[in-house]
Amino acid sequence: QVQLVESGGGSVQAGGSLRLSCAASGRTFSSYTIMGWFRQAPGKEREFVAGINWSGDLIRYTDSVKGRFTIAGDNAKNTVYLQMNSLKPEDTAVYFCSSGASLSTVAGRYDYWGQGTQVTVSS
């Protein structure tokens, strides 16, 4: 069983930065395993933000965060990070870490999920 624990959420003003962490445990991850970040704002569907494989050579971002967010993994710590810069009020959401077998933008393609961490960006 895989456990994913997010941390690093909080409240910032527009233009600020936050770094989210996702600590993974419970199994040995192959270099092909995908770690993804999704977010869900109130009244909206969960949407893909970014994803990466553990070898770091496969990365994908949704268009709205390109150039502002960076995903990276630390194999030694089994931890994936999401560095979020130039935050906007529309980035406000609960951010979820996930694990799956393919780098998909579809939440249903991911097998394991963390509990989520709140990010609030004020204008």
N, C-alpha and C. Protein backbone atom coordinates (compact mmCIF):
# COMPACT_ATOMS: atom_id res chain seq x y z
N GLN A 1 0.85 -1.19 0.00
CA GLN A 1 0.00 0.00 0.00
C GLN A 1 0.89 1.24 0.00
N VAL A 2 0.51 2.20 -0.81
CA VAL A 2 1.28 3.43 -0.92
C VAL A 2 0.65 4.50 -0.05
N GLN A 3 1.48 5.22 0.69
CA GLN A 3 1.02 6.36 1.45
C GLN A 3 1.68 7.62 0.89
N LEU A 4 0.86 8.63 0.68
CA LEU A 4 1.34 9.92 0.18
C LEU A 4 0.93 11.00 1.18
N VAL A 5 1.88 11.79 1.61
CA VAL A 5 1.60 12.84 2.59
C VAL A 5 2.11 14.17 2.06
N GLU A 6 1.18 15.09 1.85
CA GLU A 6 1.54 16.42 1.36
C GLU A 6 1.81 17.37 2.52
N SER A 7 2.63 18.35 2.25
CA SER A 7 2.88 19.43 3.21
C SER A 7 3.31 20.67 2.44
N GLY A 8 3.30 21.80 3.12
CA GLY A 8 3.81 23.03 2.53
C GLY A 8 2.77 24.03 2.07
N GLY A 9 1.50 23.68 2.20
CA GLY A 9 0.47 24.63 1.82
C GLY A 9 0.41 25.80 2.78
N GLY A 10 -0.37 26.81 2.41
CA GLY A 10 -0.50 27.98 3.26
C GLY A 10 -1.18 29.11 2.53
N SER A 11 -1.08 30.29 3.12
CA SER A 11 -1.69 31.49 2.55
C SER A 11 -0.61 32.48 2.16
N VAL A 12 -0.69 32.98 0.94
CA VAL A 12 0.27 33.97 0.46
C VAL A 12 -0.45 35.03 -0.34
N GLN A 13 0.21 36.14 -0.55
CA GLN A 13 -0.34 37.17 -1.42
C GLN A 13 0.05 36.86 -2.86
N ALA A 14 -0.71 37.43 -3.77
CA ALA A 14 -0.42 37.27 -5.19
C ALA A 14 1.02 37.69 -5.48
N GLY A 15 1.69 36.89 -6.30
CA GLY A 15 3.08 37.13 -6.60
C GLY A 15 4.04 36.38 -5.71
N GLY A 16 3.52 35.80 -4.65
CA GLY A 16 4.36 35.07 -3.71
C GLY A 16 4.66 33.66 -4.17
N SER A 17 5.36 32.92 -3.31
CA SER A 17 5.80 31.56 -3.63
C SER A 17 5.49 30.60 -2.49
N LEU A 18 5.30 29.36 -2.86
CA LEU A 18 5.17 28.26 -1.90
C LEU A 18 5.83 27.03 -2.51
N ARG A 19 6.31 26.14 -1.65
CA ARG A 19 6.81 24.86 -2.13
C ARG A 19 6.04 23.75 -1.43
N LEU A 20 5.40 22.93 -2.22
CA LEU A 20 4.68 21.78 -1.69
C LEU A 20 5.59 20.56 -1.75
N SER A 21 5.44 19.70 -0.75
CA SER A 21 6.18 18.45 -0.70
C SER A 21 5.21 17.29 -0.62
N CYS A 22 5.61 16.18 -1.21
CA CYS A 22 4.82 14.95 -1.14
C CYS A 22 5.77 13.81 -0.79
N ALA A 23 5.64 13.30 0.42
CA ALA A 23 6.48 12.19 0.87
C ALA A 23 5.75 10.88 0.59
N ALA A 24 6.40 10.00 -0.16
CA ALA A 24 5.81 8.73 -0.55
C ALA A 24 6.44 7.59 0.23
N SER A 25 5.63 6.64 0.64
CA SER A 25 6.15 5.48 1.37
C SER A 25 5.27 4.28 1.10
N GLY A 26 5.75 3.11 1.50
CA GLY A 26 4.94 1.92 1.44
C GLY A 26 5.33 0.93 0.37
N ARG A 27 6.20 1.32 -0.54
CA ARG A 27 6.64 0.40 -1.58
C ARG A 27 7.87 0.96 -2.25
N THR A 28 8.49 0.12 -3.07
CA THR A 28 9.62 0.58 -3.86
C THR A 28 9.10 1.10 -5.19
N PHE A 29 9.47 2.33 -5.51
CA PHE A 29 8.97 2.95 -6.72
C PHE A 29 9.96 2.73 -7.87
N SER A 30 9.43 2.34 -9.01
CA SER A 30 10.29 2.20 -10.18
C SER A 30 10.48 3.56 -10.83
N SER A 31 11.47 3.64 -11.71
CA SER A 31 11.74 4.91 -12.39
C SER A 31 10.59 5.31 -13.30
N TYR A 32 9.70 4.36 -13.60
CA TYR A 32 8.58 4.65 -14.50
C TYR A 32 7.34 5.12 -13.76
N THR A 33 7.34 5.00 -12.44
CA THR A 33 6.17 5.43 -11.68
C THR A 33 6.00 6.93 -11.82
N ILE A 34 4.78 7.34 -12.04
CA ILE A 34 4.45 8.75 -12.19
C ILE A 34 3.95 9.33 -10.87
N MET A 35 4.46 10.47 -10.54
CA MET A 35 3.94 11.24 -9.41
C MET A 35 3.30 12.50 -9.97
N GLY A 36 2.08 12.74 -9.58
CA GLY A 36 1.36 13.88 -10.11
C GLY A 36 0.84 14.81 -9.03
N TRP A 37 0.69 16.06 -9.41
CA TRP A 37 0.02 17.04 -8.56
C TRP A 37 -1.27 17.47 -9.25
N PHE A 38 -2.35 17.43 -8.50
CA PHE A 38 -3.65 17.90 -8.96
C PHE A 38 -4.12 18.98 -7.99
N ARG A 39 -5.12 19.73 -8.40
CA ARG A 39 -5.72 20.71 -7.49
C ARG A 39 -7.22 20.75 -7.72
N GLN A 40 -7.91 21.15 -6.66
CA GLN A 40 -9.36 21.23 -6.73
C GLN A 40 -9.83 22.46 -5.98
N ALA A 41 -10.45 23.37 -6.71
CA ALA A 41 -11.04 24.56 -6.11
C ALA A 41 -12.50 24.28 -5.78
N PRO A 42 -13.08 25.02 -4.84
CA PRO A 42 -14.48 24.79 -4.47
C PRO A 42 -15.41 24.86 -5.67
N GLY A 43 -16.25 23.84 -5.81
CA GLY A 43 -17.22 23.81 -6.89
C GLY A 43 -16.65 23.42 -8.25
N LYS A 44 -15.37 23.06 -8.27
CA LYS A 44 -14.74 22.70 -9.55
C LYS A 44 -14.22 21.27 -9.49
N GLU A 45 -13.98 20.71 -10.67
CA GLU A 45 -13.43 19.37 -10.74
C GLU A 45 -11.93 19.40 -10.43
N ARG A 46 -11.43 18.26 -10.02
CA ARG A 46 -10.01 18.13 -9.76
C ARG A 46 -9.27 18.22 -11.09
N GLU A 47 -8.25 19.07 -11.14
CA GLU A 47 -7.53 19.27 -12.39
C GLU A 47 -6.04 18.97 -12.24
N PHE A 48 -5.47 18.46 -13.30
CA PHE A 48 -4.05 18.15 -13.36
C PHE A 48 -3.23 19.44 -13.32
N VAL A 49 -2.15 19.42 -12.55
CA VAL A 49 -1.25 20.55 -12.48
C VAL A 49 0.11 20.20 -13.09
N ALA A 50 0.71 19.12 -12.62
CA ALA A 50 2.04 18.72 -13.10
C ALA A 50 2.28 17.26 -12.76
N GLY A 51 3.17 16.63 -13.52
CA GLY A 51 3.51 15.25 -13.25
C GLY A 51 4.95 14.97 -13.65
N ILE A 52 5.53 13.96 -13.02
CA ILE A 52 6.93 13.60 -13.28
C ILE A 52 7.12 12.12 -13.00
N ASN A 53 8.05 11.49 -13.69
CA ASN A 53 8.43 10.13 -13.33
C ASN A 53 9.65 10.20 -12.41
N TRP A 54 9.91 9.13 -11.71
CA TRP A 54 10.97 9.15 -10.71
C TRP A 54 12.36 9.33 -11.31
N SER A 55 12.52 8.97 -12.57
CA SER A 55 13.83 9.20 -13.20
C SER A 55 13.99 10.66 -13.63
N GLY A 56 12.90 11.42 -13.61
CA GLY A 56 12.98 12.85 -13.89
C GLY A 56 13.06 13.23 -15.35
N ASP A 57 12.95 12.28 -16.25
CA ASP A 57 13.09 12.61 -17.67
C ASP A 57 11.75 12.74 -18.38
N LEU A 58 10.67 12.62 -17.61
CA LEU A 58 9.34 12.79 -18.18
C LEU A 58 8.58 13.75 -17.27
N ILE A 59 8.30 14.93 -17.80
CA ILE A 59 7.63 15.98 -17.02
C ILE A 59 6.54 16.61 -17.88
N ARG A 60 5.47 16.95 -17.20
CA ARG A 60 4.36 17.58 -17.92
C ARG A 60 3.70 18.60 -17.01
N TYR A 61 3.28 19.73 -17.58
CA TYR A 61 2.58 20.77 -16.85
C TYR A 61 1.29 21.14 -17.58
N THR A 62 0.31 21.58 -16.81
CA THR A 62 -0.84 22.18 -17.46
C THR A 62 -0.45 23.59 -17.91
N ASP A 63 -1.09 24.08 -18.96
CA ASP A 63 -0.65 25.34 -19.58
C ASP A 63 -0.68 26.52 -18.61
N SER A 64 -1.64 26.53 -17.70
CA SER A 64 -1.81 27.69 -16.83
C SER A 64 -0.69 27.87 -15.81
N VAL A 65 0.15 26.85 -15.62
CA VAL A 65 1.22 26.97 -14.63
C VAL A 65 2.61 26.94 -15.26
N LYS A 66 2.68 26.75 -16.56
CA LYS A 66 3.98 26.70 -17.23
C LYS A 66 4.74 28.01 -17.02
N GLY A 67 6.01 27.88 -16.67
CA GLY A 67 6.83 29.06 -16.43
C GLY A 67 6.73 29.59 -15.01
N ARG A 68 5.77 29.09 -14.23
CA ARG A 68 5.59 29.54 -12.84
C ARG A 68 5.83 28.41 -11.84
N PHE A 69 5.43 27.20 -12.18
CA PHE A 69 5.56 26.05 -11.29
C PHE A 69 6.65 25.12 -11.81
N THR A 70 7.34 24.47 -10.88
CA THR A 70 8.36 23.49 -11.23
C THR A 70 8.18 22.24 -10.37
N ILE A 71 8.10 21.10 -11.02
CA ILE A 71 8.00 19.83 -10.30
C ILE A 71 9.36 19.15 -10.33
N ALA A 72 9.72 18.53 -9.22
CA ALA A 72 11.00 17.83 -9.13
C ALA A 72 10.89 16.71 -8.11
N GLY A 73 11.70 15.69 -8.30
CA GLY A 73 11.68 14.56 -7.38
C GLY A 73 13.03 14.32 -6.76
N ASP A 74 13.03 13.81 -5.54
CA ASP A 74 14.25 13.42 -4.84
C ASP A 74 14.12 11.93 -4.53
N ASN A 75 14.80 11.11 -5.33
CA ASN A 75 14.67 9.66 -5.18
C ASN A 75 15.14 9.18 -3.81
N ALA A 76 16.19 9.80 -3.31
CA ALA A 76 16.75 9.35 -2.03
C ALA A 76 15.76 9.55 -0.89
N LYS A 77 14.92 10.58 -1.02
CA LYS A 77 13.95 10.87 0.03
C LYS A 77 12.54 10.41 -0.33
N ASN A 78 12.37 9.81 -1.50
CA ASN A 78 11.03 9.42 -1.97
C ASN A 78 10.05 10.59 -1.84
N THR A 79 10.52 11.75 -2.23
CA THR A 79 9.72 12.96 -2.08
C THR A 79 9.65 13.71 -3.41
N VAL A 80 8.48 14.20 -3.72
CA VAL A 80 8.27 15.03 -4.91
C VAL A 80 7.87 16.43 -4.45
N TYR A 81 8.41 17.41 -5.14
CA TYR A 81 8.17 18.80 -4.77
C TYR A 81 7.43 19.53 -5.90
N LEU A 82 6.68 20.54 -5.51
CA LEU A 82 6.07 21.44 -6.47
C LEU A 82 6.40 22.86 -6.02
N GLN A 83 7.35 23.47 -6.71
CA GLN A 83 7.72 24.85 -6.42
C GLN A 83 6.77 25.76 -7.19
N MET A 84 6.08 26.61 -6.47
CA MET A 84 5.07 27.47 -7.09
C MET A 84 5.48 28.93 -6.90
N ASN A 85 5.78 29.59 -8.00
CA ASN A 85 6.17 31.00 -7.98
C ASN A 85 5.12 31.85 -8.70
N SER A 86 5.20 33.15 -8.48
CA SER A 86 4.27 34.09 -9.13
C SER A 86 2.83 33.62 -8.97
N LEU A 87 2.48 33.26 -7.76
CA LEU A 87 1.14 32.73 -7.51
C LEU A 87 0.06 33.75 -7.78
N LYS A 88 -1.07 33.26 -8.26
CA LYS A 88 -2.22 34.08 -8.59
C LYS A 88 -3.42 33.64 -7.76
N PRO A 89 -4.38 34.51 -7.57
CA PRO A 89 -5.59 34.11 -6.82
C PRO A 89 -6.27 32.88 -7.42
N GLU A 90 -6.20 32.73 -8.72
CA GLU A 90 -6.83 31.57 -9.36
C GLU A 90 -6.09 30.27 -9.09
N ASP A 91 -4.93 30.33 -8.46
CA ASP A 91 -4.22 29.12 -8.05
C ASP A 91 -4.76 28.57 -6.72
N THR A 92 -5.65 29.32 -6.08
CA THR A 92 -6.23 28.89 -4.81
C THR A 92 -7.00 27.59 -4.98
N ALA A 93 -6.63 26.59 -4.19
CA ALA A 93 -7.25 25.27 -4.29
C ALA A 93 -6.64 24.37 -3.22
N VAL A 94 -7.23 23.19 -3.09
CA VAL A 94 -6.58 22.11 -2.34
C VAL A 94 -5.72 21.35 -3.34
N TYR A 95 -4.46 21.18 -2.99
CA TYR A 95 -3.51 20.50 -3.87
C TYR A 95 -3.29 19.08 -3.38
N PHE A 96 -3.40 18.13 -4.32
CA PHE A 96 -3.27 16.72 -4.00
C PHE A 96 -2.08 16.11 -4.72
N CYS A 97 -1.39 15.25 -4.02
CA CYS A 97 -0.32 14.45 -4.61
C CYS A 97 -0.91 13.10 -5.01
N SER A 98 -0.42 12.53 -6.10
CA SER A 98 -0.96 11.26 -6.57
C SER A 98 0.14 10.43 -7.19
N SER A 99 -0.13 9.13 -7.34
CA SER A 99 0.82 8.20 -7.93
C SER A 99 0.09 7.30 -8.91
N GLY A 100 0.71 7.07 -10.06
CA GLY A 100 0.09 6.22 -11.06
C GLY A 100 1.13 5.63 -12.00
N ALA A 101 0.62 4.95 -13.02
CA ALA A 101 1.50 4.25 -13.94
C ALA A 101 1.75 5.00 -15.24
N SER A 102 0.98 6.03 -15.50
CA SER A 102 1.17 6.78 -16.74
C SER A 102 0.98 8.26 -16.48
N LEU A 103 1.68 9.08 -17.26
CA LEU A 103 1.61 10.52 -17.08
C LEU A 103 0.37 11.06 -17.77
N SER A 104 -0.74 10.92 -17.08
CA SER A 104 -2.03 11.32 -17.61
C SER A 104 -2.52 12.57 -16.90
N THR A 105 -3.38 13.33 -17.59
CA THR A 105 -4.01 14.50 -16.97
C THR A 105 -5.34 14.12 -16.34
N VAL A 106 -5.71 12.87 -16.43
CA VAL A 106 -6.99 12.39 -15.92
C VAL A 106 -6.81 11.82 -14.51
N ALA A 107 -7.54 12.39 -13.57
CA ALA A 107 -7.37 11.97 -12.18
C ALA A 107 -7.66 10.49 -11.98
N GLY A 108 -8.61 9.96 -12.73
CA GLY A 108 -8.98 8.56 -12.58
C GLY A 108 -7.88 7.58 -12.96
N ARG A 109 -6.85 8.07 -13.63
CA ARG A 109 -5.75 7.19 -14.03
C ARG A 109 -4.73 6.99 -12.90
N TYR A 110 -4.88 7.70 -11.81
CA TYR A 110 -3.95 7.61 -10.70
C TYR A 110 -4.52 6.72 -9.61
N ASP A 111 -3.65 5.92 -9.01
CA ASP A 111 -4.10 4.87 -8.08
C ASP A 111 -4.09 5.32 -6.61
N TYR A 112 -3.19 6.19 -6.27
CA TYR A 112 -3.03 6.56 -4.87
C TYR A 112 -3.06 8.09 -4.74
N TRP A 113 -3.59 8.54 -3.60
CA TRP A 113 -3.77 9.97 -3.37
C TRP A 113 -3.40 10.34 -1.95
N GLY A 114 -2.87 11.54 -1.79
CA GLY A 114 -2.67 12.08 -0.46
C GLY A 114 -3.95 12.76 0.02
N GLN A 115 -3.87 13.33 1.22
CA GLN A 115 -5.05 13.94 1.82
C GLN A 115 -5.28 15.37 1.36
N GLY A 116 -4.29 15.96 0.72
CA GLY A 116 -4.44 17.31 0.20
C GLY A 116 -3.90 18.36 1.15
N THR A 117 -3.48 19.48 0.58
CA THR A 117 -3.00 20.62 1.36
C THR A 117 -3.55 21.90 0.73
N GLN A 118 -4.05 22.79 1.58
CA GLN A 118 -4.72 23.99 1.09
C GLN A 118 -3.70 25.06 0.70
N VAL A 119 -3.92 25.65 -0.47
CA VAL A 119 -3.15 26.80 -0.92
C VAL A 119 -4.13 27.94 -1.17
N THR A 120 -3.90 29.05 -0.51
CA THR A 120 -4.77 30.21 -0.67
C THR A 120 -3.93 31.42 -1.08
N VAL A 121 -4.30 32.02 -2.20
CA VAL A 121 -3.58 33.18 -2.72
C VAL A 121 -4.52 34.37 -2.72
N SER A 122 -4.17 35.39 -2.00
CA SER A 122 -5.02 36.58 -1.90
C SER A 122 -4.50 37.68 -2.82
N SER A 123 -5.42 38.49 -3.29
CA SER A 123 -5.05 39.57 -4.22
C SER A 123 -4.67 40.84 -3.48
